Amino acid sequence: MHTIPRFIKEILLVALCLFAQALNAQSYPTQPIKIVVGFSPGGVPDIAARIIGQHMSENWKQPVVVENKLGAGSNIAAQLVANAPSDGYTLLSISSAFAISPAIYSSMAFDPAKDFSGITLTATGPALVLISPNLKISSMKELIDYAAKNPGKVTYSSAGIGSGSHFAAELIQAKAGIDLLHIPTKGIPDAITEVMSGRVDFFISPYASAINLVKSGKVRAIAITSTKRYKELPALPTVAESGVPGYKWEFWYGLIAPAKTPKPILQKISAEVKRILELPSVKERFDELGTTAVSSTPEQFDKLIASEIVEFARLAKLSGIKPE
């Protein structure tokens, strides 16, 4: 009686596993899906999860529950999902802060690069450079010139040490070759208040957090951080065209799953999110948030996260931001 060579057995086993995964993906989902958010309700990661979840539920006929798990810069939520079964029923809605964490936390209970699988990018959005009413400055170039003449005296607020707004300002400092003074706060609302009151000189705010204040005249914006001018504020120049060539800063958002989630399931979720993000009503809702709805493949999102982790580590080292 002939025996099957070991390598053929291994090939057959792999083929059987792939076939089983494909069948599993075809029937997915058969139970409620949970999307965990590491931020407060009302922010882009939360709203994006709820928009996507609602449409998923309607199409797939399964409940999609959004759960806010706050703490440690969204790391508590990430740890919860990292430890969840790799079956596609527990997902994490993230922002670019996810890629910042390794640069600012010396000890983490999970590895952002190894413990998750990307599903898709969901949105990107620029930031606005808000300026103090006490400064008689009307452009980014004037701010940079002023900072160059007053090293260490020009202040900027942030949503906290290692936050996206902190890194955005540090990138300006590095590219423009100026010396700024960082004044961290407890969050974006506090950072905006510090600028509006004139206690700090500027703040780089997520677009959605400041656009209504800018439109109502309660705070001034002198530049936007995208590579091109924004359609809602066509007269507002970019940072790159007004004093810092090559500067670009965008907040990004997306969905990830625990590592080892079967690829067919990741691909099915990714395709569904892509469908949702292309709906005119969803695009309009994301526009209202000051973001652009945009999707990607799981592989593309994995590459983006990996490259951003490296870039934030480089910027943290350059700026002297040390892990806590």
C-alpha atoms as a PDB file:
ATOM      1  CA  MET A   1       0.000   0.000   0.000  1.00  0.00           C
ATOM      2  CA  HIS A   2       1.418   3.356  -1.038  1.00  0.00           C
ATOM      3  CA  THR A   3       1.725   6.142   1.519  1.00  0.00           C
ATOM      4  CA  ILE A   4       1.205   9.794   0.650  1.00  0.00           C
ATOM      5  CA  PRO A   5       4.462  11.793   0.881  1.00  0.00           C
ATOM      6  CA  ARG A   6       4.572  14.271   3.763  1.00  0.00           C
ATOM      7  CA  PHE A   7       4.905  17.356   1.569  1.00  0.00           C
ATOM      8  CA  ILE A   8       1.765  16.371  -0.364  1.00  0.00           C
ATOM      9  CA  LYS A   9      -0.079  15.923   2.933  1.00  0.00           C
ATOM     10  CA  GLU A  10       0.986  19.417   3.960  1.00  0.00           C
ATOM     11  CA  ILE A  11      -0.179  20.878   0.641  1.00  0.00           C
ATOM     12  CA  LEU A  12      -3.525  19.091   0.972  1.00  0.00           C
ATOM     13  CA  LEU A  13      -3.898  20.340   4.557  1.00  0.00           C
ATOM     14  CA  VAL A  14      -3.244  23.936   3.510  1.00  0.00           C
ATOM     15  CA  ALA A  15      -5.691  23.598   0.628  1.00  0.00           C
ATOM     16  CA  LEU A  16      -8.308  22.164   2.985  1.00  0.00           C
ATOM     17  CA  CYS A  17      -7.818  25.054   5.431  1.00  0.00           C
ATOM     18  CA  LEU A  18      -8.162  27.618   2.660  1.00  0.00           C
ATOM     19  CA  PHE A  19     -11.291  25.906   1.395  1.00  0.00           C
ATOM     20  CA  ALA A  20     -12.775  25.910   4.904  1.00  0.00           C
ATOM     21  CA  GLN A  21     -11.958  29.613   5.298  1.00  0.00           C
ATOM     22  CA  ALA A  22     -13.618  30.411   1.991  1.00  0.00           C
ATOM     23  CA  LEU A  23     -16.761  28.538   3.009  1.00  0.00           C
ATOM     24  CA  ASN A  24     -16.733  30.298   6.384  1.00  0.00           C
ATOM     25  CA  ALA A  25     -16.440  33.690   4.673  1.00  0.00           C
ATOM     26  CA  GLN A  26     -19.392  32.899   2.411  1.00  0.00           C
ATOM     27  CA  SER A  27     -21.675  32.405   5.410  1.00  0.00           C
ATOM     28  CA  TYR A  28     -20.173  35.298   7.424  1.00  0.00           C
ATOM     29  CA  PRO A  29     -21.697  36.968   9.373  1.00  0.00           C
ATOM     30  CA  THR A  30     -23.942  34.594  11.299  1.00  0.00           C
ATOM     31  CA  GLN A  31     -23.947  36.521  14.599  1.00  0.00           C
ATOM     32  CA  PRO A  32     -23.713  40.138  15.881  1.00  0.00           C
ATOM     33  CA  ILE A  33     -20.578  42.136  15.101  1.00  0.00           C
ATOM     34  CA  LYS A  34     -18.947  44.456  17.623  1.00  0.00           C
ATOM     35  CA  ILE A  35     -16.926  47.530  16.611  1.00  0.00           C
ATOM     36  CA  VAL A  36     -14.838  48.813  19.522  1.00  0.00           C
ATOM     37  CA  VAL A  37     -13.863  52.494  19.632  1.00  0.00           C
ATOM     38  CA  GLY A  38     -11.119  53.785  21.928  1.00  0.00           C
ATOM     39  CA  PHE A  39     -12.430  57.364  21.864  1.00  0.00           C
ATOM     40  CA  SER A  40     -15.415  59.294  23.198  1.00  0.00           C
ATOM     41  CA  PRO A  41     -18.709  59.366  21.291  1.00  0.00           C
ATOM     42  CA  GLY A  42     -18.879  62.178  18.740  1.00  0.00           C
ATOM     43  CA  GLY A  43     -15.363  61.921  17.323  1.00  0.00           C
ATOM     44  CA  VAL A  44     -14.606  60.721  13.803  1.00  0.00           C
ATOM     45  CA  PRO A  45     -13.606  57.133  14.826  1.00  0.00           C
ATOM     46  CA  ASP A  46     -16.902  56.812  16.701  1.00  0.00           C
ATOM     47  CA  ILE A  47     -19.155  58.397  14.067  1.00  0.00           C
ATOM     48  CA  ALA A  48     -17.466  56.457  11.254  1.00  0.00           C
ATOM     49  CA  ALA A  49     -18.010  53.188  13.118  1.00  0.00           C
ATOM     50  CA  ARG A  50     -21.698  54.002  13.649  1.00  0.00           C
ATOM     51  CA  ILE A  51     -22.297  54.995  10.017  1.00  0.00           C
ATOM     52  CA  ILE A  52     -20.577  51.874   8.714  1.00  0.00           C
ATOM     53  CA  GLY A  53     -22.200  49.662  11.347  1.00  0.00           C
ATOM     54  CA  GLN A  54     -25.700  50.844  10.504  1.00  0.00           C
ATOM     55  CA  HIS A  55     -25.295  50.090   6.800  1.00  0.00           C
ATOM     56  CA  MET A  56     -23.576  46.762   7.502  1.00  0.00           C
ATOM     57  CA  SER A  57     -26.443  45.711   9.728  1.00  0.00           C
ATOM     58  CA  GLU A  58     -29.056  46.684   7.140  1.00  0.00           C
ATOM     59  CA  ASN A  59     -27.284  44.729   4.370  1.00  0.00           C
ATOM     60  CA  TRP A  60     -26.129  41.698   6.323  1.00  0.00           C
ATOM     61  CA  LYS A  61     -29.205  41.393   8.571  1.00  0.00           C
ATOM     62  CA  GLN A  62     -27.071  41.097  11.703  1.00  0.00           C
ATOM     63  CA  PRO A  63     -26.775  43.600  14.595  1.00  0.00           C
ATOM     64  CA  VAL A  64     -23.608  45.715  14.610  1.00  0.00           C
ATOM     65  CA  VAL A  65     -22.879  47.157  18.040  1.00  0.00           C
ATOM     66  CA  VAL A  66     -20.477  50.056  18.617  1.00  0.00           C
ATOM     67  CA  GLU A  67     -18.786  49.997  22.027  1.00  0.00           C
ATOM     68  CA  ASN A  68     -16.701  52.904  23.367  1.00  0.00           C
ATOM     69  CA  LYS A  69     -13.791  51.720  25.557  1.00  0.00           C
ATOM     70  CA  LEU A  70     -11.826  54.748  26.740  1.00  0.00           C
ATOM     71  CA  GLY A  71      -8.396  54.980  28.328  1.00  0.00           C
ATOM     72  CA  ALA A  72      -4.638  55.074  27.737  1.00  0.00           C
ATOM     73  CA  GLY A  73      -4.875  56.894  24.426  1.00  0.00           C
ATOM     74  CA  SER A  74      -7.202  54.189  22.988  1.00  0.00           C
ATOM     75  CA  ASN A  75      -4.801  51.403  24.029  1.00  0.00           C
ATOM     76  CA  ILE A  76      -7.370  49.763  26.327  1.00  0.00           C
ATOM     77  CA  ALA A  77      -9.713  49.307  23.370  1.00  0.00           C
ATOM     78  CA  ALA A  78      -6.866  48.009  21.216  1.00  0.00           C
ATOM     79  CA  GLN A  79      -5.849  45.453  23.848  1.00  0.00           C
ATOM     80  CA  LEU A  80      -9.441  44.225  24.134  1.00  0.00           C
ATOM     81  CA  VAL A  81      -9.623  43.609  20.380  1.00  0.00           C
ATOM     82  CA  ALA A  82      -6.121  42.110  20.200  1.00  0.00           C
ATOM     83  CA  ASN A  83      -7.254  39.484  22.722  1.00  0.00           C
ATOM     84  CA  ALA A  84     -10.582  38.769  20.971  1.00  0.00           C
ATOM     85  CA  PRO A  85     -11.152  35.688  18.786  1.00  0.00           C
ATOM     86  CA  SER A  86      -9.861  36.034  15.218  1.00  0.00           C
ATOM     87  CA  ASP A  87     -13.253  35.397  13.669  1.00  0.00           C
ATOM     88  CA  GLY A  88     -14.284  38.796  12.280  1.00  0.00           C
ATOM     89  CA  TYR A  89     -16.873  39.499  14.963  1.00  0.00           C
ATOM     90  CA  THR A  90     -14.795  41.979  16.994  1.00  0.00           C
ATOM     91  CA  LEU A  91     -13.323  44.921  15.083  1.00  0.00           C
ATOM     92  CA  LEU A  92     -11.506  48.107  16.107  1.00  0.00           C
ATOM     93  CA  SER A  93     -12.143  51.586  14.709  1.00  0.00           C
ATOM     94  CA  ILE A  94      -8.831  53.460  14.820  1.00  0.00           C
ATOM     95  CA  SER A  95      -7.265  56.804  13.999  1.00  0.00           C
ATOM     96  CA  SER A  96      -3.669  57.668  13.174  1.00  0.00           C
ATOM     97  CA  ALA A  97      -3.105  57.734  16.959  1.00  0.00           C
ATOM     98  CA  PHE A  98      -2.873  53.932  16.693  1.00  0.00           C
ATOM     99  CA  ALA A  99       0.437  54.271  14.821  1.00  0.00           C
ATOM    100  CA  ILE A 100       1.703  56.901  17.266  1.00  0.00           C
ATOM    101  CA  SER A 101       1.342  54.709  20.370  1.00  0.00           C
ATOM    102  CA  PRO A 102       4.586  52.699  19.916  1.00  0.00           C
ATOM    103  CA  ALA A 103       6.540  55.983  19.820  1.00  0.00           C
ATOM    104  CA  ILE A 104       5.137  57.315  23.099  1.00  0.00           C
ATOM    105  CA  TYR A 105       4.472  54.243  25.261  1.00  0.00           C
ATOM    106  CA  SER A 106       7.497  52.288  26.471  1.00  0.00           C
ATOM    107  CA  SER A 107       5.345  49.351  27.558  1.00  0.00           C
ATOM    108  CA  MET A 108       2.276  48.086  25.742  1.00  0.00           C
ATOM    109  CA  ALA A 109       0.257  44.909  26.252  1.00  0.00           C
ATOM    110  CA  PHE A 110      -0.017  44.399  22.496  1.00  0.00           C
ATOM    111  CA  ASP A 111       2.057  44.919  19.368  1.00  0.00           C
ATOM    112  CA  PRO A 112       0.307  47.213  16.841  1.00  0.00           C
ATOM    113  CA  ALA A 113       2.366  45.727  14.009  1.00  0.00           C
ATOM    114  CA  LYS A 114       1.841  42.048  14.848  1.00  0.00           C
ATOM    115  CA  ASP A 115      -1.388  41.642  16.807  1.00  0.00           C
ATOM    116  CA  PHE A 116      -3.783  43.057  14.207  1.00  0.00           C
ATOM    117  CA  SER A 117      -4.827  42.636  10.602  1.00  0.00           C
ATOM    118  CA  GLY A 118      -5.856  45.641   8.553  1.00  0.00           C
ATOM    119  CA  ILE A 119      -9.319  45.704   7.010  1.00  0.00           C
ATOM    120  CA  THR A 120      -9.627  49.076   5.324  1.00  0.00           C
ATOM    121  CA  LEU A 121      -8.967  52.755   5.531  1.00  0.00           C
ATOM    122  CA  THR A 122     -12.261  54.614   6.090  1.00  0.00           C
ATOM    123  CA  ALA A 123     -11.404  58.319   5.922  1.00  0.00           C
ATOM    124  CA  THR A 124      -8.702  60.953   5.845  1.00  0.00           C
ATOM    125  CA  GLY A 125      -8.906  64.548   6.977  1.00  0.00           C
ATOM    126  CA  PRO A 126      -6.690  67.627   7.193  1.00  0.00           C
ATOM    127  CA  ALA A 127      -6.034  69.952  10.116  1.00  0.00           C
ATOM    128  CA  LEU A 128      -6.302  73.710  10.536  1.00  0.00           C
ATOM    129  CA  VAL A 129      -3.597  75.963  11.972  1.00  0.00           C
ATOM    130  CA  LEU A 130      -5.467  78.146  14.467  1.00  0.00           C
ATOM    131  CA  ILE A 131      -3.843  81.395  15.608  1.00  0.00           C
ATOM    132  CA  SER A 132      -4.140  83.464  18.793  1.00  0.00           C
ATOM    133  CA  PRO A 133      -6.146  86.716  18.583  1.00  0.00           C
ATOM    134  CA  ASN A 134      -3.216  88.402  20.360  1.00  0.00           C
ATOM    135  CA  LEU A 135      -0.858  87.851  17.419  1.00  0.00           C
ATOM    136  CA  LYS A 136      -1.036  90.318  14.547  1.00  0.00           C
ATOM    137  CA  ILE A 137      -0.162  87.547  12.114  1.00  0.00           C
ATOM    138  CA  SER A 138      -2.128  86.632   9.009  1.00  0.00           C
ATOM    139  CA  SER A 139      -0.096  83.877   7.384  1.00  0.00           C
ATOM    140  CA  MET A 140       1.998  80.818   8.133  1.00  0.00           C
ATOM    141  CA  LYS A 141       5.049  82.555   6.704  1.00  0.00           C
ATOM    142  CA  GLU A 142       4.607  85.438   9.146  1.00  0.00           C
ATOM    143  CA  LEU A 143       4.274  82.975  12.034  1.00  0.00           C
ATOM    144  CA  ILE A 144       7.463  81.175  11.029  1.00  0.00           C
ATOM    145  CA  ASP A 145       9.363  84.442  10.600  1.00  0.00           C
ATOM    146  CA  TYR A 146       8.129  85.581  14.021  1.00  0.00           C
ATOM    147  CA  ALA A 147       9.175  82.277  15.605  1.00  0.00           C
ATOM    148  CA  ALA A 148      12.609  82.483  13.954  1.00  0.00           C
ATOM    149  CA  LYS A 149      13.147  85.919  15.530  1.00  0.00           C
ATOM    150  CA  ASN A 150      11.844  84.743  18.917  1.00  0.00           C
ATOM    151  CA  PRO A 151      13.294  81.236  19.455  1.00  0.00           C
ATOM    152  CA  GLY A 152      11.640  79.252  22.231  1.00  0.00           C
ATOM    153  CA  LYS A 153       9.007  81.918  22.848  1.00  0.00           C
ATOM    154  CA  VAL A 154       6.267  81.030  20.367  1.00  0.00           C
ATOM    155  CA  THR A 155       3.889  78.568  22.038  1.00  0.00           C
ATOM    156  CA  TYR A 156       1.560  75.932  20.656  1.00  0.00           C
ATOM    157  CA  SER A 157      -1.030  73.821  22.411  1.00  0.00           C
ATOM    158  CA  SER A 158      -1.753  70.164  21.738  1.00  0.00           C
ATOM    159  CA  ALA A 159      -4.246  67.500  22.785  1.00  0.00           C
ATOM    160  CA  GLY A 160      -1.471  65.987  24.921  1.00  0.00           C
ATOM    161  CA  ILE A 161       2.101  64.745  24.686  1.00  0.00           C
ATOM    162  CA  GLY A 162       2.388  62.392  21.724  1.00  0.00           C
ATOM    163  CA  SER A 163      -1.015  63.332  20.288  1.00  0.00           C
ATOM    164  CA  GLY A 164      -1.499  63.865  16.573  1.00  0.00           C
ATOM    165  CA  SER A 165      -1.649  67.626  17.108  1.00  0.00           C
ATOM    166  CA  HIS A 166       1.687  67.460  18.964  1.00  0.00           C
ATOM    167  CA  PHE A 167       3.377  65.578  16.124  1.00  0.00           C
ATOM    168  CA  ALA A 168       1.822  67.895  13.521  1.00  0.00           C
ATOM    169  CA  ALA A 169       3.431  70.928  15.182  1.00  0.00           C
ATOM    170  CA  GLU A 170       6.725  69.117  15.719  1.00  0.00           C
ATOM    171  CA  LEU A 171       6.827  68.367  12.000  1.00  0.00           C
ATOM    172  CA  ILE A 172       6.449  72.089  11.229  1.00  0.00           C
ATOM    173  CA  GLN A 173       9.206  72.854  13.720  1.00  0.00           C
ATOM    174  CA  ALA A 174      11.524  70.307  12.113  1.00  0.00           C
ATOM    175  CA  LYS A 175      10.842  71.332   8.515  1.00  0.00           C
ATOM    176  CA  ALA A 176      10.953  75.088   9.172  1.00  0.00           C
ATOM    177  CA  GLY A 177      14.001  74.901  11.463  1.00  0.00           C
ATOM    178  CA  ILE A 178      12.385  76.920  14.254  1.00  0.00           C
ATOM    179  CA  ASP A 179      12.250  76.493  18.040  1.00  0.00           C
ATOM    180  CA  LEU A 180       8.741  76.352  19.525  1.00  0.00           C
ATOM    181  CA  LEU A 181       7.433  75.853  23.075  1.00  0.00           C
ATOM    182  CA  HIS A 182       4.934  73.020  23.568  1.00  0.00           C
ATOM    183  CA  ILE A 183       1.998  73.518  25.972  1.00  0.00           C
ATOM    184  CA  PRO A 184       0.121  70.186  26.235  1.00  0.00           C
ATOM    185  CA  THR A 185      -3.526  70.097  27.379  1.00  0.00           C
ATOM    186  CA  LYS A 186      -6.012  67.358  28.252  1.00  0.00           C
ATOM    187  CA  GLY A 187      -7.649  67.242  24.843  1.00  0.00           C
ATOM    188  CA  ILE A 188      -8.655  69.022  21.651  1.00  0.00           C
ATOM    189  CA  PRO A 189     -11.388  71.229  23.215  1.00  0.00           C
ATOM    190  CA  ASP A 190      -8.930  72.483  25.855  1.00  0.00           C
ATOM    191  CA  ALA A 191      -6.239  73.094  23.238  1.00  0.00           C
ATOM    192  CA  ILE A 192      -8.637  75.151  21.117  1.00  0.00           C
ATOM    193  CA  THR A 193      -9.735  77.133  24.179  1.00  0.00           C
ATOM    194  CA  GLU A 194      -6.104  77.979  24.969  1.00  0.00           C
ATOM    195  CA  VAL A 195      -5.708  79.515  21.502  1.00  0.00           C
ATOM    196  CA  MET A 196      -9.043  81.336  21.530  1.00  0.00           C
ATOM    197  CA  SER A 197      -8.213  82.879  24.904  1.00  0.00           C
ATOM    198  CA  GLY A 198      -4.795  83.994  23.660  1.00  0.00           C
ATOM    199  CA  ARG A 199      -2.906  81.979  26.291  1.00  0.00           C
ATOM    200  CA  VAL A 200      -1.002  80.118  23.545  1.00  0.00           C
ATOM    201  CA  ASP A 201      -0.009  81.287  20.079  1.00  0.00           C
ATOM    202  CA  PHE A 202      -1.322  78.497  17.849  1.00  0.00           C
ATOM    203  CA  PHE A 203      -2.824  75.017  17.672  1.00  0.00           C
ATOM    204  CA  ILE A 204      -3.064  72.495  14.828  1.00  0.00           C
ATOM    205  CA  SER A 205      -6.613  71.213  15.151  1.00  0.00           C
ATOM    206  CA  PRO A 206      -8.427  68.414  13.322  1.00  0.00           C
ATOM    207  CA  TYR A 207     -10.591  70.110  10.707  1.00  0.00           C
ATOM    208  CA  ALA A 208     -13.864  68.766  12.076  1.00  0.00           C
ATOM    209  CA  SER A 209     -13.131  70.066  15.582  1.00  0.00           C
ATOM    210  CA  ALA A 210     -12.573  73.657  14.514  1.00  0.00           C
ATOM    211  CA  ILE A 211     -14.379  74.368  11.234  1.00  0.00           C
ATOM    212  CA  ASN A 212     -17.594  75.689  12.825  1.00  0.00           C
ATOM    213  CA  LEU A 213     -15.594  77.987  15.125  1.00  0.00           C
ATOM    214  CA  VAL A 214     -13.621  79.259  12.138  1.00  0.00           C
ATOM    215  CA  LYS A 215     -16.753  79.868  10.058  1.00  0.00           C
ATOM    216  CA  SER A 216     -18.415  81.725  12.936  1.00  0.00           C
ATOM    217  CA  GLY A 217     -15.355  83.927  13.402  1.00  0.00           C
ATOM    218  CA  LYS A 218     -14.642  82.722  16.944  1.00  0.00           C
ATOM    219  CA  VAL A 219     -11.114  81.643  16.011  1.00  0.00           C
ATOM    220  CA  ARG A 220      -8.803  82.411  13.089  1.00  0.00           C
ATOM    221  CA  ALA A 221      -7.223  79.829  10.791  1.00  0.00           C
ATOM    222  CA  ILE A 222      -4.136  80.814   8.801  1.00  0.00           C
ATOM    223  CA  ALA A 223      -3.429  77.564   6.945  1.00  0.00           C
ATOM    224  CA  ILE A 224      -4.591  74.020   6.249  1.00  0.00           C
ATOM    225  CA  THR A 225      -2.283  70.996   6.456  1.00  0.00           C
ATOM    226  CA  SER A 226      -3.413  69.126   3.324  1.00  0.00           C
ATOM    227  CA  THR A 227      -1.393  69.151   0.100  1.00  0.00           C
ATOM    228  CA  LYS A 228      -4.169  71.031  -1.699  1.00  0.00           C
ATOM    229  CA  ARG A 229      -6.553  73.778  -0.650  1.00  0.00           C
ATOM    230  CA  TYR A 230      -9.834  72.533   0.781  1.00  0.00           C
ATOM    231  CA  LYS A 231     -13.034  73.014  -1.181  1.00  0.00           C
ATOM    232  CA  GLU A 232     -14.935  74.539   1.758  1.00  0.00           C
ATOM    233  CA  LEU A 233     -12.159  77.077   2.466  1.00  0.00           C
ATOM    234  CA  PRO A 234     -10.698  77.816  -0.985  1.00  0.00           C
ATOM    235  CA  ALA A 235      -9.037  81.060   0.135  1.00  0.00           C
ATOM    236  CA  LEU A 236      -7.126  79.344   2.946  1.00  0.00           C
ATOM    237  CA  PRO A 237      -3.595  78.409   1.792  1.00  0.00           C
ATOM    238  CA  THR A 238      -1.837  75.176   2.661  1.00  0.00           C
ATOM    239  CA  VAL A 239       1.076  75.114   5.099  1.00  0.00           C
ATOM    240  CA  ALA A 240       3.279  73.878   2.247  1.00  0.00           C
ATOM    241  CA  GLU A 241       2.540  76.849   0.002  1.00  0.00           C
ATOM    242  CA  SER A 242       2.873  79.425   2.769  1.00  0.00           C
ATOM    243  CA  GLY A 243       6.236  78.846   4.391  1.00  0.00           C
ATOM    244  CA  VAL A 244       6.935  75.118   4.865  1.00  0.00           C
ATOM    245  CA  PRO A 245       7.564  73.435   1.470  1.00  0.00           C
ATOM    246  CA  GLY A 246       6.778  69.718   1.421  1.00  0.00           C
ATOM    247  CA  TYR A 247       4.683  69.831   4.587  1.00  0.00           C
ATOM    248  CA  LYS A 248       1.695  67.497   4.735  1.00  0.00           C
ATOM    249  CA  TRP A 249      -0.336  66.321   7.686  1.00  0.00           C
ATOM    250  CA  GLU A 250      -3.514  64.268   7.525  1.00  0.00           C
ATOM    251  CA  PHE A 251      -5.396  62.425  10.204  1.00  0.00           C
ATOM    252  CA  TRP A 252      -6.555  59.017   8.982  1.00  0.00           C
ATOM    253  CA  TYR A 253      -9.112  56.504  10.215  1.00  0.00           C
ATOM    254  CA  GLY A 254      -9.818  52.841   9.563  1.00  0.00           C
ATOM    255  CA  LEU A 255     -10.927  49.405  10.699  1.00  0.00           C
ATOM    256  CA  ILE A 256      -8.708  46.551  11.893  1.00  0.00           C
ATOM    257  CA  ALA A 257      -9.262  43.063  13.305  1.00  0.00           C
ATOM    258  CA  PRO A 258      -7.313  40.661  15.516  1.00  0.00           C
ATOM    259  CA  ALA A 259      -4.313  39.054  13.826  1.00  0.00           C
ATOM    260  CA  LYS A 260      -4.931  35.742  12.070  1.00  0.00           C
ATOM    261  CA  THR A 261      -8.472  36.684  11.117  1.00  0.00           C
ATOM    262  CA  PRO A 262      -9.005  34.651   7.906  1.00  0.00           C
ATOM    263  CA  LYS A 263      -8.198  36.663   4.787  1.00  0.00           C
ATOM    264  CA  PRO A 264     -11.517  35.842   3.073  1.00  0.00           C
ATOM    265  CA  ILE A 265     -13.368  37.413   6.025  1.00  0.00           C
ATOM    266  CA  LEU A 266     -11.114  40.492   6.010  1.00  0.00           C
ATOM    267  CA  GLN A 267     -11.708  40.850   2.284  1.00  0.00           C
ATOM    268  CA  LYS A 268     -15.480  40.452   2.667  1.00  0.00           C
ATOM    269  CA  ILE A 269     -15.648  43.162   5.361  1.00  0.00           C
ATOM    270  CA  SER A 270     -13.355  45.414   3.324  1.00  0.00           C
ATOM    271  CA  ALA A 271     -15.536  45.052   0.229  1.00  0.00           C
ATOM    272  CA  GLU A 272     -18.666  45.807   2.254  1.00  0.00           C
ATOM    273  CA  VAL A 273     -17.116  48.940   3.785  1.00  0.00           C
ATOM    274  CA  LYS A 274     -16.001  50.062   0.316  1.00  0.00           C
ATOM    275  CA  ARG A 275     -19.590  49.705  -0.889  1.00  0.00           C
ATOM    276  CA  ILE A 276     -20.840  51.730   2.056  1.00  0.00           C
ATOM    277  CA  LEU A 277     -18.260  54.504   1.677  1.00  0.00           C
ATOM    278  CA  GLU A 278     -19.218  54.966  -1.973  1.00  0.00           C
ATOM    279  CA  LEU A 279     -22.865  55.687  -1.125  1.00  0.00           C
ATOM    280  CA  PRO A 280     -23.617  59.384  -1.880  1.00  0.00           C
ATOM    281  CA  SER A 281     -25.305  59.903   1.510  1.00  0.00           C
ATOM    282  CA  VAL A 282     -22.292  58.444   3.335  1.00  0.00           C
ATOM    283  CA  LYS A 283     -19.827  60.540   1.339  1.00  0.00           C
ATOM    284  CA  GLU A 284     -21.863  63.617   2.234  1.00  0.00           C
ATOM    285  CA  ARG A 285     -21.878  62.695   5.942  1.00  0.00           C
ATOM    286  CA  PHE A 286     -18.103  62.249   5.952  1.00  0.00           C
ATOM    287  CA  ASP A 287     -17.729  65.594   4.179  1.00  0.00           C
ATOM    288  CA  GLU A 288     -19.714  67.178   7.013  1.00  0.00           C
ATOM    289  CA  LEU A 289     -17.157  65.731   9.438  1.00  0.00           C
ATOM    290  CA  GLY A 290     -14.360  67.486   7.566  1.00  0.00           C
ATOM    291  CA  THR A 291     -13.068  64.199   6.202  1.00  0.00           C
ATOM    292  CA  THR A 292     -13.034  62.351   2.899  1.00  0.00           C
ATOM    293  CA  ALA A 293     -14.479  58.835   2.796  1.00  0.00           C
ATOM    294  CA  VAL A 294     -11.810  56.573   1.316  1.00  0.00           C
ATOM    295  CA  SER A 295     -11.300  52.807   1.350  1.00  0.00           C
ATOM    296  CA  SER A 296      -8.375  50.452   0.773  1.00  0.00           C
ATOM    297  CA  THR A 297      -7.612  46.754   0.589  1.00  0.00           C
ATOM    298  CA  PRO A 298      -6.518  44.980   3.781  1.00  0.00           C
ATOM    299  CA  GLU A 299      -2.976  44.712   2.377  1.00  0.00           C
ATOM    300  CA  GLN A 300      -2.823  48.429   1.565  1.00  0.00           C
ATOM    301  CA  PHE A 301      -3.994  49.360   5.049  1.00  0.00           C
ATOM    302  CA  ASP A 302      -1.423  47.040   6.647  1.00  0.00           C
ATOM    303  CA  LYS A 303       1.313  48.798   4.652  1.00  0.00           C
ATOM    304  CA  LEU A 304       0.050  52.245   5.636  1.00  0.00           C
ATOM    305  CA  ILE A 305      -0.018  51.386   9.346  1.00  0.00           C
ATOM    306  CA  ALA A 306       3.480  49.844   9.194  1.00  0.00           C
ATOM    307  CA  SER A 307       4.943  52.864   7.383  1.00  0.00           C
ATOM    308  CA  GLU A 308       3.249  55.308   9.772  1.00  0.00           C
ATOM    309  CA  ILE A 309       4.619  53.467  12.827  1.00  0.00           C
ATOM    310  CA  VAL A 310       8.140  53.879  11.398  1.00  0.00           C
ATOM    311  CA  GLU A 311       7.553  57.547  10.495  1.00  0.00           C
ATOM    312  CA  PHE A 312       6.191  58.496  13.921  1.00  0.00           C
ATOM    313  CA  ALA A 313       9.096  56.731  15.622  1.00  0.00           C
ATOM    314  CA  ARG A 314      11.500  58.731  13.436  1.00  0.00           C
ATOM    315  CA  LEU A 315       9.740  62.009  14.185  1.00  0.00           C
ATOM    316  CA  ALA A 316       9.593  61.253  17.912  1.00  0.00           C
ATOM    317  CA  LYS A 317      13.348  60.658  17.969  1.00  0.00           C
ATOM    318  CA  LEU A 318      14.018  63.800  15.942  1.00  0.00           C
ATOM    319  CA  SER A 319      11.806  65.895  18.223  1.00  0.00           C
ATOM    320  CA  GLY A 320      13.004  64.387  21.486  1.00  0.00           C
ATOM    321  CA  ILE A 321       9.593  62.923  22.361  1.00  0.00           C
ATOM    322  CA  LYS A 322      10.370  60.062  24.710  1.00  0.00           C
ATOM    323  CA  PRO A 323       8.144  57.068  25.531  1.00  0.00           C
ATOM    324  CA  GLU A 324       6.369  57.269  28.862  1.00  0.00           C
END
